[in-house]
Structure formats: C-alpha cells, structure tokens
Amino acid sequence: MKRTLIQSATIITMDDRIGDVRDGDVLVENGRIPRCVRASSLAAARRKPRL
C-alpha cells in the first residue's frame, strides 16, 4: 500500500459543508484520499496518551 501524507496545506474542497481548509493535512492511499483534517486536529490526536 502506497501512502503519502501532505502536511500544512491549503485544501480546496468541493463540499460546501466542509469549505476550504487552511493548514490541513491530507492522507493519500493508493491514489485516493481517505482522510483530510486540520493540522491542529492531527497534532492534538498525536499528543493524546494511549491507554
């Protein structure tokens, strides 16, 4: 599986519910984008301790 993470990007979406995202991270897997989040959300998730 080929994976690429693009970090701190300005993401232009075609979804009015989401709108455009500044400082976002995009995960690309095998030519598809399964996940797109604000960079601050991903950083916060990384800081959460695992139980």
C-alpha atoms as a PDB file:
ATOM      1  CA  MET A   1       0.000   0.000   0.000  1.00  0.00           C
ATOM      2  CA  LYS A   2       1.463   3.347  -1.035  1.00  0.00           C
ATOM      3  CA  ARG A   3       0.779   6.170   1.417  1.00  0.00           C
ATOM      4  CA  THR A   4       1.657   9.857   1.228  1.00  0.00           C
ATOM      5  CA  LEU A   5       0.952  12.477   3.906  1.00  0.00           C
ATOM      6  CA  ILE A   6       0.808  16.093   2.773  1.00  0.00           C
ATOM      7  CA  GLN A   7       1.100  18.426   5.761  1.00  0.00           C
ATOM      8  CA  SER A   8       0.220  22.083   6.415  1.00  0.00           C
ATOM      9  CA  ALA A   9      -1.580  22.503   3.089  1.00  0.00           C
ATOM     10  CA  THR A  10      -4.387  24.765   1.963  1.00  0.00           C
ATOM     11  CA  ILE A  11      -7.104  22.341   0.865  1.00  0.00           C
ATOM     12  CA  ILE A  12      -9.762  23.462  -1.606  1.00  0.00           C
ATOM     13  CA  THR A  13     -12.816  21.211  -1.300  1.00  0.00           C
ATOM     14  CA  MET A  14     -15.909  20.906  -3.447  1.00  0.00           C
ATOM     15  CA  ASP A  15     -18.064  20.323  -0.353  1.00  0.00           C
ATOM     16  CA  ASP A  16     -19.946  23.365   0.971  1.00  0.00           C
ATOM     17  CA  ARG A  17     -20.402  21.661   4.350  1.00  0.00           C
ATOM     18  CA  ILE A  18     -16.638  21.430   4.857  1.00  0.00           C
ATOM     19  CA  GLY A  19     -15.474  24.506   2.979  1.00  0.00           C
ATOM     20  CA  ASP A  20     -11.816  25.220   2.358  1.00  0.00           C
ATOM     21  CA  VAL A  21      -9.245  24.231   4.982  1.00  0.00           C
ATOM     22  CA  ARG A  22      -6.141  26.239   5.793  1.00  0.00           C
ATOM     23  CA  ASP A  23      -3.231  24.438   7.402  1.00  0.00           C
ATOM     24  CA  GLY A  24      -4.664  20.992   6.767  1.00  0.00           C
ATOM     25  CA  ASP A  25      -3.184  17.526   6.388  1.00  0.00           C
ATOM     26  CA  VAL A  26      -4.159  15.158   3.576  1.00  0.00           C
ATOM     27  CA  LEU A  27      -3.540  11.416   3.600  1.00  0.00           C
ATOM     28  CA  VAL A  28      -3.332   9.810   0.143  1.00  0.00           C
ATOM     29  CA  GLU A  29      -3.539   5.997  -0.056  1.00  0.00           C
ATOM     30  CA  ASN A  30      -3.226   4.268  -3.411  1.00  0.00           C
ATOM     31  CA  GLY A  31      -4.342   7.386  -5.281  1.00  0.00           C
ATOM     32  CA  ARG A  32      -7.360   8.033  -3.042  1.00  0.00           C
ATOM     33  CA  ILE A  33      -7.885  10.482  -0.189  1.00  0.00           C
ATOM     34  CA  PRO A  34      -9.462   8.618   2.744  1.00  0.00           C
ATOM     35  CA  ARG A  35      -8.733  11.362   5.275  1.00  0.00           C
ATOM     36  CA  CYS A  36      -8.354  15.120   5.365  1.00  0.00           C
ATOM     37  CA  VAL A  37      -8.107  17.001   8.674  1.00  0.00           C
ATOM     38  CA  ARG A  38      -6.977  20.313  10.079  1.00  0.00           C
ATOM     39  CA  ALA A  39      -3.332  20.076  11.049  1.00  0.00           C
ATOM     40  CA  SER A  40      -4.143  21.130  14.625  1.00  0.00           C
ATOM     41  CA  SER A  41      -6.588  18.176  14.928  1.00  0.00           C
ATOM     42  CA  LEU A  42      -3.934  15.706  13.857  1.00  0.00           C
ATOM     43  CA  ALA A  43      -1.345  17.229  16.204  1.00  0.00           C
ATOM     44  CA  ALA A  44      -3.801  17.009  19.113  1.00  0.00           C
ATOM     45  CA  ALA A  45      -4.532  13.356  18.308  1.00  0.00           C
ATOM     46  CA  ARG A  46      -0.825  12.579  18.328  1.00  0.00           C
ATOM     47  CA  ARG A  47      -0.437  14.125  21.804  1.00  0.00           C
ATOM     48  CA  LYS A  48      -3.223  12.057  23.396  1.00  0.00           C
ATOM     49  CA  PRO A  49      -1.792   9.354  25.625  1.00  0.00           C
ATOM     50  CA  ARG A  50      -2.663   5.763  24.754  1.00  0.00           C
ATOM     51  CA  LEU A  51      -4.223   3.663  27.496  1.00  0.00           C
END
